[in-house]
């Protein structure tokens, strides 16, 4: 394998308790802890924004190689809001996920919310 190909493959992986995992598979793996993850995200947004979501379900994870940031995109619902936000995007530096086991990712995500590294999308 060429060095460039190896570098691209490594750029598309993160370390989880299952060994290395492709970023494209991360959302699927997070579905395994979806109820706990959703509760943590809903609670963090309520504390940070004063907004009560009914749910926050992981939709996908994208990677921005230029900024070395993973974007965790959640489908959300807030029936009390007049704004039509449908997604919550939590941005996490890839370095923050180094040596983090899959169940602990929710702690990293909530920390990023409290640091203001999120935004809503419609």
PDB file of N, CA and C in Angstrom:
ATOM      1  N   UNK A   1       0.837  -1.189   0.000  1.00  0.00           N
ATOM      2  CA  UNK A   1       0.000   0.000   0.000  1.00  0.00           C
ATOM      3  C   UNK A   1       0.876   1.244   0.000  1.00  0.00           C
ATOM      4  N   UNK A   2       0.405   2.245  -0.658  1.00  0.00           N
ATOM      5  CA  UNK A   2       1.169   3.484  -0.681  1.00  0.00           C
ATOM      6  C   UNK A   2       0.962   4.254   0.622  1.00  0.00           C
ATOM      7  N   UNK A   3       1.884   5.142   0.922  1.00  0.00           N
ATOM      8  CA  UNK A   3       1.781   5.943   2.142  1.00  0.00           C
ATOM      9  C   UNK A   3       0.550   6.835   2.113  1.00  0.00           C
ATOM     10  N   UNK A   4       0.187   7.344   0.948  1.00  0.00           N
ATOM     11  CA  UNK A   4      -0.984   8.212   0.833  1.00  0.00           C
ATOM     12  C   UNK A   4      -2.252   7.426   1.126  1.00  0.00           C
ATOM     13  N   UNK A   5      -2.355   6.223   0.595  1.00  0.00           N
ATOM     14  CA  UNK A   5      -3.526   5.390   0.821  1.00  0.00           C
ATOM     15  C   UNK A   5      -3.648   5.024   2.294  1.00  0.00           C
ATOM     16  N   UNK A   6      -2.557   4.694   2.933  1.00  0.00           N
ATOM     17  CA  UNK A   6      -2.568   4.371   4.360  1.00  0.00           C
ATOM     18  C   UNK A   6      -2.988   5.597   5.167  1.00  0.00           C
ATOM     19  N   UNK A   7      -2.458   6.761   4.819  1.00  0.00           N
ATOM     20  CA  UNK A   7      -2.811   7.992   5.530  1.00  0.00           C
ATOM     21  C   UNK A   7      -4.300   8.292   5.393  1.00  0.00           C
ATOM     22  N   UNK A   8      -4.871   8.082   4.198  1.00  0.00           N
ATOM     23  CA  UNK A   8      -6.301   8.317   3.997  1.00  0.00           C
ATOM     24  C   UNK A   8      -7.135   7.339   4.814  1.00  0.00           C
ATOM     25  N   UNK A   9      -6.714   6.092   4.874  1.00  0.00           N
ATOM     26  CA  UNK A   9      -7.447   5.099   5.658  1.00  0.00           C
ATOM     27  C   UNK A   9      -7.402   5.450   7.141  1.00  0.00           C
ATOM     28  N   UNK A  10      -6.251   5.869   7.636  1.00  0.00           N
ATOM     29  CA  UNK A  10      -6.131   6.245   9.042  1.00  0.00           C
ATOM     30  C   UNK A  10      -6.924   7.507   9.355  1.00  0.00           C
ATOM     31  N   UNK A  11      -7.014   8.418   8.416  1.00  0.00           N
ATOM     32  CA  UNK A  11      -7.776   9.652   8.625  1.00  0.00           C
ATOM     33  C   UNK A  11      -9.264   9.369   8.758  1.00  0.00           C
ATOM     34  N   UNK A  12      -9.705   8.228   8.252  1.00  0.00           N
ATOM     35  CA  UNK A  12     -11.117   7.879   8.298  1.00  0.00           C
ATOM     36  C   UNK A  12     -11.443   6.915   9.441  1.00  0.00           C
ATOM     37  N   UNK A  13     -10.572   6.821  10.435  1.00  0.00           N
ATOM     38  CA  UNK A  13     -10.826   5.924  11.557  1.00  0.00           C
ATOM     39  C   UNK A  13     -10.676   6.662  12.874  1.00  0.00           C
ATOM     40  N   UNK A  14     -11.357   6.135  13.895  1.00  0.00           N
ATOM     41  CA  UNK A  14     -11.125   6.594  15.253  1.00  0.00           C
ATOM     42  C   UNK A  14     -11.011   5.364  16.126  1.00  0.00           C
ATOM     43  N   UNK A  15     -10.442   5.546  17.290  1.00  0.00           N
ATOM     44  CA  UNK A  15     -10.242   4.451  18.224  1.00  0.00           C
ATOM     45  C   UNK A  15     -11.472   4.323  19.115  1.00  0.00           C
ATOM     46  N   UNK A  16     -12.056   3.146  19.208  1.00  0.00           N
ATOM     47  CA  UNK A  16     -13.151   2.886  20.144  1.00  0.00           C
ATOM     48  C   UNK A  16     -12.787   1.643  20.924  1.00  0.00           C
ATOM     49  N   UNK A  17     -13.659   1.264  21.857  1.00  0.00           N
ATOM     50  CA  UNK A  17     -13.364   0.079  22.658  1.00  0.00           C
ATOM     51  C   UNK A  17     -13.355  -1.189  21.813  1.00  0.00           C
ATOM     52  N   UNK A  18     -13.881  -1.131  20.606  1.00  0.00           N
ATOM     53  CA  UNK A  18     -13.883  -2.290  19.719  1.00  0.00           C
ATOM     54  C   UNK A  18     -12.654  -2.300  18.822  1.00  0.00           C
ATOM     55  N   UNK A  19     -11.687  -1.474  19.125  1.00  0.00           N
ATOM     56  CA  UNK A  19     -10.528  -1.324  18.257  1.00  0.00           C
ATOM     57  C   UNK A  19     -10.749  -0.107  17.390  1.00  0.00           C
ATOM     58  N   UNK A  20     -10.204  -0.115  16.212  1.00  0.00           N
ATOM     59  CA  UNK A  20     -10.402   1.027  15.321  1.00  0.00           C
ATOM     60  C   UNK A  20     -11.716   0.875  14.580  1.00  0.00           C
ATOM     61  N   UNK A  21     -12.349   1.996  14.327  1.00  0.00           N
ATOM     62  CA  UNK A  21     -13.665   1.999  13.705  1.00  0.00           C
ATOM     63  C   UNK A  21     -13.685   3.070  12.631  1.00  0.00           C
ATOM     64  N   UNK A  22     -14.279   2.763  11.498  1.00  0.00           N
ATOM     65  CA  UNK A  22     -14.411   3.767  10.458  1.00  0.00           C
ATOM     66  C   UNK A  22     -15.424   4.815  10.896  1.00  0.00           C
ATOM     67  N   UNK A  23     -15.111   6.065  10.618  1.00  0.00           N
ATOM     68  CA  UNK A  23     -16.000   7.158  10.988  1.00  0.00           C
ATOM     69  C   UNK A  23     -17.371   6.953  10.360  1.00  0.00           C
ATOM     70  N   UNK A  24     -17.403   6.431   9.154  1.00  0.00           N
ATOM     71  CA  UNK A  24     -18.679   6.187   8.477  1.00  0.00           C
ATOM     72  C   UNK A  24     -19.541   5.162   9.217  1.00  0.00           C
ATOM     73  N   UNK A  25     -18.937   4.299  10.028  1.00  0.00           N
ATOM     74  CA  UNK A  25     -19.678   3.295  10.796  1.00  0.00           C
ATOM     75  C   UNK A  25     -20.022   3.763  12.204  1.00  0.00           C
ATOM     76  N   UNK A  26     -19.512   4.913  12.597  1.00  0.00           N
ATOM     77  CA  UNK A  26     -19.679   5.369  13.972  1.00  0.00           C
ATOM     78  C   UNK A  26     -21.139   5.617  14.332  1.00  0.00           C
ATOM     79  N   UNK A  27     -21.908   6.230  13.448  1.00  0.00           N
ATOM     80  CA  UNK A  27     -23.328   6.479  13.732  1.00  0.00           C
ATOM     81  C   UNK A  27     -24.064   5.170  13.978  1.00  0.00           C
ATOM     82  N   UNK A  28     -23.746   4.151  13.196  1.00  0.00           N
ATOM     83  CA  UNK A  28     -24.370   2.840  13.375  1.00  0.00           C
ATOM     84  C   UNK A  28     -24.021   2.269  14.742  1.00  0.00           C
ATOM     85  N   UNK A  29     -22.759   2.383  15.134  1.00  0.00           N
ATOM     86  CA  UNK A  29     -22.351   1.885  16.446  1.00  0.00           C
ATOM     87  C   UNK A  29     -22.995   2.686  17.576  1.00  0.00           C
ATOM     88  N   UNK A  30     -23.160   3.991  17.370  1.00  0.00           N
ATOM     89  CA  UNK A  30     -23.789   4.819  18.398  1.00  0.00           C
ATOM     90  C   UNK A  30     -25.263   4.478  18.579  1.00  0.00           C
ATOM     91  N   UNK A  31     -25.890   3.910  17.562  1.00  0.00           N
ATOM     92  CA  UNK A  31     -27.284   3.472  17.704  1.00  0.00           C
ATOM     93  C   UNK A  31     -27.425   2.426  18.797  1.00  0.00           C
ATOM     94  N   UNK A  32     -26.352   1.682  19.081  1.00  0.00           N
ATOM     95  CA  UNK A  32     -26.388   0.676  20.142  1.00  0.00           C
ATOM     96  C   UNK A  32     -26.554   1.296  21.525  1.00  0.00           C
ATOM     97  N   UNK A  33     -26.128   2.543  21.679  1.00  0.00           N
ATOM     98  CA  UNK A  33     -26.285   3.231  22.964  1.00  0.00           C
ATOM     99  C   UNK A  33     -27.251   4.408  22.821  1.00  0.00           C
ATOM    100  N   UNK A  34     -28.116   4.345  21.829  1.00  0.00           N
ATOM    101  CA  UNK A  34     -29.001   5.454  21.469  1.00  0.00           C
ATOM    102  C   UNK A  34     -29.853   5.997  22.618  1.00  0.00           C
ATOM    103  N   UNK A  35     -30.522   5.166  23.424  1.00  0.00           N
ATOM    104  CA  UNK A  35     -31.349   5.739  24.501  1.00  0.00           C
ATOM    105  C   UNK A  35     -30.533   6.565  25.499  1.00  0.00           C
ATOM    106  N   UNK A  36     -29.382   6.053  25.916  1.00  0.00           N
ATOM    107  CA  UNK A  36     -28.533   6.797  26.861  1.00  0.00           C
ATOM    108  C   UNK A  36     -27.960   8.043  26.211  1.00  0.00           C
ATOM    109  N   UNK A  37     -27.553   7.912  24.958  1.00  0.00           N
ATOM    110  CA  UNK A  37     -26.987   9.045  24.234  1.00  0.00           C
ATOM    111  C   UNK A  37     -28.039  10.137  24.053  1.00  0.00           C
ATOM    112  N   UNK A  38     -29.240   9.758  23.648  1.00  0.00           N
ATOM    113  CA  UNK A  38     -30.322  10.719  23.447  1.00  0.00           C
ATOM    114  C   UNK A  38     -30.638  11.459  24.743  1.00  0.00           C
ATOM    115  N   UNK A  39     -30.738  10.732  25.835  1.00  0.00           N
ATOM    116  CA  UNK A  39     -31.039  11.349  27.132  1.00  0.00           C
ATOM    117  C   UNK A  39     -29.954  12.342  27.524  1.00  0.00           C
ATOM    118  N   UNK A  40     -28.700  11.982  27.321  1.00  0.00           N
ATOM    119  CA  UNK A  40     -27.587  12.873  27.665  1.00  0.00           C
ATOM    120  C   UNK A  40     -27.608  14.145  26.830  1.00  0.00           C
ATOM    121  N   UNK A  41     -27.868  14.012  25.540  1.00  0.00           N
ATOM    122  CA  UNK A  41     -27.897  15.171  24.643  1.00  0.00           C
ATOM    123  C   UNK A  41     -29.084  16.072  24.982  1.00  0.00           C
ATOM    124  N   UNK A  42     -30.258  15.488  25.198  1.00  0.00           N
ATOM    125  CA  UNK A  42     -31.452  16.260  25.553  1.00  0.00           C
ATOM    126  C   UNK A  42     -31.209  17.041  26.844  1.00  0.00           C
ATOM    127  N   UNK A  43     -30.622  16.394  27.843  1.00  0.00           N
ATOM    128  CA  UNK A  43     -30.337  17.048  29.124  1.00  0.00           C
ATOM    129  C   UNK A  43     -29.322  18.173  28.959  1.00  0.00           C
ATOM    130  N   UNK A  44     -28.267  17.929  28.195  1.00  0.00           N
ATOM    131  CA  UNK A  44     -27.234  18.952  27.989  1.00  0.00           C
ATOM    132  C   UNK A  44     -27.798  20.177  27.269  1.00  0.00           C
ATOM    133  N   UNK A  45     -28.622  19.967  26.247  1.00  0.00           N
ATOM    134  CA  UNK A  45     -29.226  21.094  25.519  1.00  0.00           C
ATOM    135  C   UNK A  45     -30.182  21.857  26.431  1.00  0.00           C
ATOM    136  N   UNK A  46     -30.919  21.129  27.253  1.00  0.00           N
ATOM    137  CA  UNK A  46     -31.836  21.800  28.180  1.00  0.00           C
ATOM    138  C   UNK A  46     -31.057  22.680  29.159  1.00  0.00           C
ATOM    139  N   UNK A  47     -29.937  22.177  29.663  1.00  0.00           N
ATOM    140  CA  UNK A  47     -29.127  22.960  30.598  1.00  0.00           C
ATOM    141  C   UNK A  47     -28.418  24.121  29.908  1.00  0.00           C
ATOM    142  N   UNK A  48     -27.946  23.913  28.690  1.00  0.00           N
ATOM    143  CA  UNK A  48     -27.188  24.948  27.980  1.00  0.00           C
ATOM    144  C   UNK A  48     -28.089  26.011  27.349  1.00  0.00           C
ATOM    145  N   UNK A  49     -29.241  25.594  26.831  1.00  0.00           N
ATOM    146  CA  UNK A  49     -30.113  26.494  26.064  1.00  0.00           C
ATOM    147  C   UNK A  49     -31.430  26.814  26.755  1.00  0.00           C
ATOM    148  N   UNK A  50     -31.800  25.991  27.739  1.00  0.00           N
ATOM    149  CA  UNK A  50     -33.119  26.150  28.340  1.00  0.00           C
ATOM    150  C   UNK A  50     -34.222  25.643  27.430  1.00  0.00           C
ATOM    151  N   UNK A  51     -33.860  24.803  26.474  1.00  0.00           N
ATOM    152  CA  UNK A  51     -34.797  24.253  25.493  1.00  0.00           C
ATOM    153  C   UNK A  51     -34.960  22.764  25.766  1.00  0.00           C
ATOM    154  N   UNK A  52     -36.211  22.322  25.863  1.00  0.00           N
ATOM    155  CA  UNK A  52     -36.476  20.910  26.133  1.00  0.00           C
ATOM    156  C   UNK A  52     -36.820  20.201  24.828  1.00  0.00           C
ATOM    157  N   UNK A  53     -35.909  19.349  24.377  1.00  0.00           N
ATOM    158  CA  UNK A  53     -36.152  18.521  23.193  1.00  0.00           C
ATOM    159  C   UNK A  53     -36.867  17.254  23.624  1.00  0.00           C
ATOM    160  N   UNK A  54     -37.670  16.678  22.737  1.00  0.00           N
ATOM    161  CA  UNK A  54     -38.296  15.393  23.059  1.00  0.00           C
ATOM    162  C   UNK A  54     -37.345  14.240  22.773  1.00  0.00           C
ATOM    163  N   UNK A  55     -36.449  14.440  21.796  1.00  0.00           N
ATOM    164  CA  UNK A  55     -35.456  13.414  21.490  1.00  0.00           C
ATOM    165  C   UNK A  55     -34.301  14.022  20.703  1.00  0.00           C
ATOM    166  N   UNK A  56     -33.218  13.301  20.693  1.00  0.00           N
ATOM    167  CA  UNK A  56     -32.042  13.651  19.882  1.00  0.00           C
ATOM    168  C   UNK A  56     -31.438  12.327  19.428  1.00  0.00           C
ATOM    169  N   UNK A  57     -31.796  11.905  18.231  1.00  0.00           N
ATOM    170  CA  UNK A  57     -31.362  10.605  17.714  1.00  0.00           C
ATOM    171  C   UNK A  57     -30.241  10.789  16.699  1.00  0.00           C
ATOM    172  N   UNK A  58     -29.174  10.039  16.868  1.00  0.00           N
ATOM    173  CA  UNK A  58     -28.022  10.162  15.969  1.00  0.00           C
ATOM    174  C   UNK A  58     -28.446   9.823  14.545  1.00  0.00           C
ATOM    175  N   UNK A  59     -28.100  10.694  13.623  1.00  0.00           N
ATOM    176  CA  UNK A  59     -28.411  10.478  12.212  1.00  0.00           C
ATOM    177  C   UNK A  59     -27.158  10.064  11.455  1.00  0.00           C
ATOM    178  N   UNK A  60     -26.103  10.876  11.592  1.00  0.00           N
ATOM    179  CA  UNK A  60     -24.857  10.544  10.899  1.00  0.00           C
ATOM    180  C   UNK A  60     -23.695  11.276  11.552  1.00  0.00           C
ATOM    181  N   UNK A  61     -22.508  10.847  11.169  1.00  0.00           N
ATOM    182  CA  UNK A  61     -21.269  11.475  11.626  1.00  0.00           C
ATOM    183  C   UNK A  61     -20.467  11.810  10.381  1.00  0.00           C
ATOM    184  N   UNK A  62     -20.019  13.055  10.291  1.00  0.00           N
ATOM    185  CA  UNK A  62     -19.187  13.471   9.162  1.00  0.00           C
ATOM    186  C   UNK A  62     -17.842  13.941   9.691  1.00  0.00           C
ATOM    187  N   UNK A  63     -16.864  13.953   8.806  1.00  0.00           N
ATOM    188  CA  UNK A  63     -15.511  14.347   9.192  1.00  0.00           C
ATOM    189  C   UNK A  63     -15.013  15.449   8.276  1.00  0.00           C
ATOM    190  N   UNK A  64     -14.539  16.535   8.864  1.00  0.00           N
ATOM    191  CA  UNK A  64     -13.941  17.638   8.126  1.00  0.00           C
ATOM    192  C   UNK A  64     -12.431  17.513   8.295  1.00  0.00           C
ATOM    193  N   UNK A  65     -11.759  17.017   7.264  1.00  0.00           N
ATOM    194  CA  UNK A  65     -10.314  16.781   7.367  1.00  0.00           C
ATOM    195  C   UNK A  65      -9.518  18.076   7.414  1.00  0.00           C
ATOM    196  N   UNK A  66     -10.063  19.151   6.868  1.00  0.00           N
ATOM    197  CA  UNK A  66      -9.367  20.433   6.892  1.00  0.00           C
ATOM    198  C   UNK A  66      -9.213  20.952   8.324  1.00  0.00           C
ATOM    199  N   UNK A  67     -10.283  20.825   9.111  1.00  0.00           N
ATOM    200  CA  UNK A  67     -10.258  21.302  10.494  1.00  0.00           C
ATOM    201  C   UNK A  67     -10.086  20.170  11.507  1.00  0.00           C
ATOM    202  N   UNK A  68     -10.034  18.920  11.025  1.00  0.00           N
ATOM    203  CA  UNK A  68      -9.864  17.743  11.880  1.00  0.00           C
ATOM    204  C   UNK A  68     -10.972  17.666  12.939  1.00  0.00           C
ATOM    205  N   UNK A  69     -12.211  17.861  12.476  1.00  0.00           N
ATOM    206  CA  UNK A  69     -13.375  17.887  13.360  1.00  0.00           C
ATOM    207  C   UNK A  69     -14.415  16.883  12.870  1.00  0.00           C
ATOM    208  N   UNK A  70     -15.008  16.164  13.818  1.00  0.00           N
ATOM    209  CA  UNK A  70     -16.136  15.293  13.510  1.00  0.00           C
ATOM    210  C   UNK A  70     -17.412  16.027  13.876  1.00  0.00           C
ATOM    211  N   UNK A  71     -18.397  15.962  13.006  1.00  0.00           N
ATOM    212  CA  UNK A  71     -19.709  16.550  13.268  1.00  0.00           C
ATOM    213  C   UNK A  71     -20.693  15.422  13.513  1.00  0.00           C
ATOM    214  N   UNK A  72     -21.252  15.402  14.714  1.00  0.00           N
ATOM    215  CA  UNK A  72     -22.256  14.421  15.088  1.00  0.00           C
ATOM    216  C   UNK A  72     -23.607  15.085  14.851  1.00  0.00           C
ATOM    217  N   UNK A  73     -24.380  14.538  13.923  1.00  0.00           N
ATOM    218  CA  UNK A  73     -25.638  15.156  13.508  1.00  0.00           C
ATOM    219  C   UNK A  73     -26.799  14.340  14.073  1.00  0.00           C
ATOM    220  N   UNK A  74     -27.639  15.027  14.849  1.00  0.00           N
ATOM    221  CA  UNK A  74     -28.773  14.396  15.514  1.00  0.00           C
ATOM    222  C   UNK A  74     -30.074  14.925  14.929  1.00  0.00           C
ATOM    223  N   UNK A  75     -31.034  14.025  14.720  1.00  0.00           N
ATOM    224  CA  UNK A  75     -32.398  14.434  14.402  1.00  0.00           C
ATOM    225  C   UNK A  75     -33.051  14.807  15.726  1.00  0.00           C
ATOM    226  N   UNK A  76     -33.674  15.988  15.774  1.00  0.00           N
ATOM    227  CA  UNK A  76     -34.261  16.465  17.021  1.00  0.00           C
ATOM    228  C   UNK A  76     -35.711  16.858  16.811  1.00  0.00           C
ATOM    229  N   UNK A  77     -36.420  16.990  17.931  1.00  0.00           N
ATOM    230  CA  UNK A  77     -37.791  17.473  17.895  1.00  0.00           C
ATOM    231  C   UNK A  77     -38.039  18.298  19.148  1.00  0.00           C
ATOM    232  N   UNK A  78     -38.608  19.473  18.946  1.00  0.00           N
ATOM    233  CA  UNK A  78     -38.988  20.354  20.041  1.00  0.00           C
ATOM    234  C   UNK A  78     -40.384  20.881  19.732  1.00  0.00           C
ATOM    235  N   UNK A  79     -41.413  20.216  20.241  1.00  0.00           N
ATOM    236  CA  UNK A  79     -42.780  20.603  19.889  1.00  0.00           C
ATOM    237  C   UNK A  79     -43.196  21.972  20.429  1.00  0.00           C
ATOM    238  N   UNK A  80     -42.490  22.505  21.411  1.00  0.00           N
ATOM    239  CA  UNK A  80     -42.859  23.791  21.999  1.00  0.00           C
ATOM    240  C   UNK A  80     -42.230  24.975  21.282  1.00  0.00           C
ATOM    241  N   UNK A  81     -41.341  24.704  20.352  1.00  0.00           N
ATOM    242  CA  UNK A  81     -40.632  25.783  19.667  1.00  0.00           C
ATOM    243  C   UNK A  81     -41.354  26.189  18.388  1.00  0.00           C
ATOM    244  N   UNK A  82     -41.339  27.501  18.106  1.00  0.00           N
ATOM    245  CA  UNK A  82     -41.906  27.968  16.850  1.00  0.00           C
ATOM    246  C   UNK A  82     -40.863  27.963  15.736  1.00  0.00           C
ATOM    247  N   UNK A  83     -39.624  27.651  16.096  1.00  0.00           N
ATOM    248  CA  UNK A  83     -38.565  27.546  15.092  1.00  0.00           C
ATOM    249  C   UNK A  83     -38.557  26.132  14.538  1.00  0.00           C
ATOM    250  N   UNK A  84     -38.190  26.011  13.282  1.00  0.00           N
ATOM    251  CA  UNK A  84     -38.266  24.704  12.627  1.00  0.00           C
ATOM    252  C   UNK A  84     -36.896  24.026  12.539  1.00  0.00           C
ATOM    253  N   UNK A  85     -36.213  23.938  13.670  1.00  0.00           N
ATOM    254  CA  UNK A  85     -34.940  23.226  13.678  1.00  0.00           C
ATOM    255  C   UNK A  85     -35.209  21.731  13.662  1.00  0.00           C
ATOM    256  N   UNK A  86     -34.526  21.048  12.767  1.00  0.00           N
ATOM    257  CA  UNK A  86     -34.715  19.609  12.644  1.00  0.00           C
ATOM    258  C   UNK A  86     -33.481  18.828  13.050  1.00  0.00           C
ATOM    259  N   UNK A  87     -32.333  19.521  13.110  1.00  0.00           N
ATOM    260  CA  UNK A  87     -31.097  18.815  13.435  1.00  0.00           C
ATOM    261  C   UNK A  87     -30.243  19.625  14.401  1.00  0.00           C
ATOM    262  N   UNK A  88     -29.503  18.886  15.198  1.00  0.00           N
ATOM    263  CA  UNK A  88     -28.504  19.443  16.089  1.00  0.00           C
ATOM    264  C   UNK A  88     -27.161  18.909  15.622  1.00  0.00           C
ATOM    265  N   UNK A  89     -26.193  19.794  15.443  1.00  0.00           N
ATOM    266  CA  UNK A  89     -24.857  19.394  15.014  1.00  0.00           C
ATOM    267  C   UNK A  89     -23.891  19.710  16.148  1.00  0.00           C
ATOM    268  N   UNK A  90     -23.234  18.681  16.668  1.00  0.00           N
ATOM    269  CA  UNK A  90     -22.238  18.849  17.722  1.00  0.00           C
ATOM    270  C   UNK A  90     -20.878  18.581  17.096  1.00  0.00           C
ATOM    271  N   UNK A  91     -19.993  19.567  17.200  1.00  0.00           N
ATOM    272  CA  UNK A  91     -18.672  19.450  16.584  1.00  0.00           C
ATOM    273  C   UNK A  91     -17.634  19.069  17.632  1.00  0.00           C
ATOM    274  N   UNK A  92     -16.860  18.030  17.306  1.00  0.00           N
ATOM    275  CA  UNK A  92     -15.874  17.494  18.238  1.00  0.00           C
ATOM    276  C   UNK A  92     -14.523  17.396  17.539  1.00  0.00           C
ATOM    277  N   UNK A  93     -13.485  17.999  18.115  1.00  0.00           N
ATOM    278  CA  UNK A  93     -12.151  17.802  17.542  1.00  0.00           C
ATOM    279  C   UNK A  93     -11.792  16.313  17.607  1.00  0.00           C
ATOM    280  N   UNK A  94     -11.216  15.810  16.558  1.00  0.00           N
ATOM    281  CA  UNK A  94     -10.883  14.380  16.509  1.00  0.00           C
ATOM    282  C   UNK A  94      -9.988  13.975  17.676  1.00  0.00           C
ATOM    283  N   UNK A  95      -9.102  14.873  18.078  1.00  0.00           N
ATOM    284  CA  UNK A  95      -8.188  14.595  19.186  1.00  0.00           C
ATOM    285  C   UNK A  95      -8.946  14.326  20.488  1.00  0.00           C
ATOM    286  N   UNK A  96     -10.122  14.937  20.658  1.00  0.00           N
ATOM    287  CA  UNK A  96     -10.916  14.746  21.876  1.00  0.00           C
ATOM    288  C   UNK A  96     -11.463  13.327  21.983  1.00  0.00           C
ATOM    289  N   UNK A  97     -11.478  12.601  20.873  1.00  0.00           N
ATOM    290  CA  UNK A  97     -11.994  11.227  20.870  1.00  0.00           C
ATOM    291  C   UNK A  97     -10.898  10.178  20.983  1.00  0.00           C
ATOM    292  N   UNK A  98      -9.656  10.630  21.084  1.00  0.00           N
ATOM    293  CA  UNK A  98      -8.545   9.689  21.170  1.00  0.00           C
ATOM    294  C   UNK A  98      -8.661   8.878  22.462  1.00  0.00           C
ATOM    295  N   UNK A  99      -8.612   7.567  22.337  1.00  0.00           N
ATOM    296  CA  UNK A  99      -8.694   6.619  23.453  1.00  0.00           C
ATOM    297  C   UNK A  99     -10.020   6.674  24.210  1.00  0.00           C
ATOM    298  N   UNK A 100     -11.065   7.187  23.585  1.00  0.00           N
ATOM    299  CA  UNK A 100     -12.393   7.230  24.199  1.00  0.00           C
ATOM    300  C   UNK A 100     -13.151   5.984  23.768  1.00  0.00           C
ATOM    301  N   UNK A 101     -13.689   5.277  24.734  1.00  0.00           N
ATOM    302  CA  UNK A 101     -14.469   4.083  24.424  1.00  0.00           C
ATOM    303  C   UNK A 101     -15.875   4.507  23.977  1.00  0.00           C
ATOM    304  N   UNK A 102     -16.513   3.669  23.197  1.00  0.00           N
ATOM    305  CA  UNK A 102     -17.809   3.996  22.603  1.00  0.00           C
ATOM    306  C   UNK A 102     -18.832   4.519  23.620  1.00  0.00           C
ATOM    307  N   UNK A 103     -19.040   3.853  24.761  1.00  0.00           N
ATOM    308  CA  UNK A 103     -20.030   4.377  25.718  1.00  0.00           C
ATOM    309  C   UNK A 103     -19.663   5.750  26.296  1.00  0.00           C
ATOM    310  N   UNK A 104     -18.395   6.125  26.236  1.00  0.00           N
ATOM    311  CA  UNK A 104     -17.958   7.411  26.788  1.00  0.00           C
ATOM    312  C   UNK A 104     -18.102   8.569  25.802  1.00  0.00           C
ATOM    313  N   UNK A 105     -18.439   8.279  24.568  1.00  0.00           N
ATOM    314  CA  UNK A 105     -18.578   9.341  23.572  1.00  0.00           C
ATOM    315  C   UNK A 105     -19.661  10.328  23.996  1.00  0.00           C
ATOM    316  N   UNK A 106     -20.696   9.847  24.680  1.00  0.00           N
ATOM    317  CA  UNK A 106     -21.754  10.757  25.133  1.00  0.00           C
ATOM    318  C   UNK A 106     -21.198  11.816  26.077  1.00  0.00           C
ATOM    319  N   UNK A 107     -20.200  11.466  26.880  1.00  0.00           N
ATOM    320  CA  UNK A 107     -19.586  12.444  27.783  1.00  0.00           C
ATOM    321  C   UNK A 107     -18.828  13.511  26.998  1.00  0.00           C
ATOM    322  N   UNK A 108     -18.147  13.092  25.945  1.00  0.00           N
ATOM    323  CA  UNK A 108     -17.420  14.038  25.089  1.00  0.00           C
ATOM    324  C   UNK A 108     -18.410  14.969  24.394  1.00  0.00           C
ATOM    325  N   UNK A 109     -19.500  14.405  23.889  1.00  0.00           N
ATOM    326  CA  UNK A 109     -20.505  15.216  23.193  1.00  0.00           C
ATOM    327  C   UNK A 109     -21.160  16.233  24.128  1.00  0.00           C
ATOM    328  N   UNK A 110     -21.511  15.813  25.334  1.00  0.00           N
ATOM    329  CA  UNK A 110     -22.133  16.762  26.262  1.00  0.00           C
ATOM    330  C   UNK A 110     -21.140  17.842  26.681  1.00  0.00           C
ATOM    331  N   UNK A 111     -19.880  17.489  26.846  1.00  0.00           N
ATOM    332  CA  UNK A 111     -18.860  18.499  27.173  1.00  0.00           C
ATOM    333  C   UNK A 111     -18.757  19.530  26.052  1.00  0.00           C
ATOM    334  N   UNK A 112     -18.816  19.072  24.806  1.00  0.00           N
ATOM    335  CA  UNK A 112     -18.755  19.994  23.668  1.00  0.00           C
ATOM    336  C   UNK A 112     -19.975  20.916  23.643  1.00  0.00           C
ATOM    337  N   UNK A 113     -21.125  20.394  24.024  1.00  0.00           N
ATOM    338  CA  UNK A 113     -22.329  21.228  24.089  1.00  0.00           C
ATOM    339  C   UNK A 113     -22.136  22.328  25.126  1.00  0.00           C
ATOM    340  N   UNK A 114     -21.618  21.972  26.295  1.00  0.00           N
ATOM    341  CA  UNK A 114     -21.407  22.972  27.345  1.00  0.00           C
ATOM    342  C   UNK A 114     -20.332  23.984  26.956  1.00  0.00           C
ATOM    343  N   UNK A 115     -19.445  23.603  26.039  1.00  0.00           N
ATOM    344  CA  UNK A 115     -18.429  24.536  25.546  1.00  0.00           C
ATOM    345  C   UNK A 115     -18.954  25.378  24.379  1.00  0.00           C
ATOM    346  N   UNK A 116     -20.184  25.110  23.954  1.00  0.00           N
ATOM    347  CA  UNK A 116     -20.798  25.895  22.882  1.00  0.00           C
ATOM    348  C   UNK A 116     -20.449  25.436  21.477  1.00  0.00           C
ATOM    349  N   UNK A 117     -19.920  24.219  21.339  1.00  0.00           N
ATOM    350  CA  UNK A 117     -19.500  23.705  20.029  1.00  0.00           C
ATOM    351  C   UNK A 117     -20.641  22.945  19.351  1.00  0.00           C
ATOM    352  N   UNK A 118     -21.763  23.626  19.171  1.00  0.00           N
ATOM    353  CA  UNK A 118     -22.923  23.016  18.520  1.00  0.00           C
ATOM    354  C   UNK A 118     -23.736  24.106  17.831  1.00  0.00           C
ATOM    355  N   UNK A 119     -24.603  23.681  16.926  1.00  0.00           N
ATOM    356  CA  UNK A 119     -25.562  24.595  16.306  1.00  0.00           C
ATOM    357  C   UNK A 119     -26.759  23.791  15.811  1.00  0.00           C
ATOM    358  N   UNK A 120     -27.849  24.504  15.609  1.00  0.00           N
ATOM    359  CA  UNK A 120     -29.074  23.890  15.105  1.00  0.00           C
ATOM    360  C   UNK A 120     -29.189  24.142  13.610  1.00  0.00           C
ATOM    361  N   UNK A 121     -29.765  23.169  12.897  1.00  0.00           N
ATOM    362  CA  UNK A 121     -30.007  23.304  11.453  1.00  0.00           C
ATOM    363  C   UNK A 121     -31.466  22.982  11.172  1.00  0.00           C
ATOM    364  N   UNK A 122     -31.989  23.602  10.118  1.00  0.00           N
ATOM    365  CA  UNK A 122     -33.357  23.255   9.719  1.00  0.00           C
ATOM    366  C   UNK A 122     -33.328  22.416   8.464  1.00  0.00           C
TER     367      UNK A 122
END
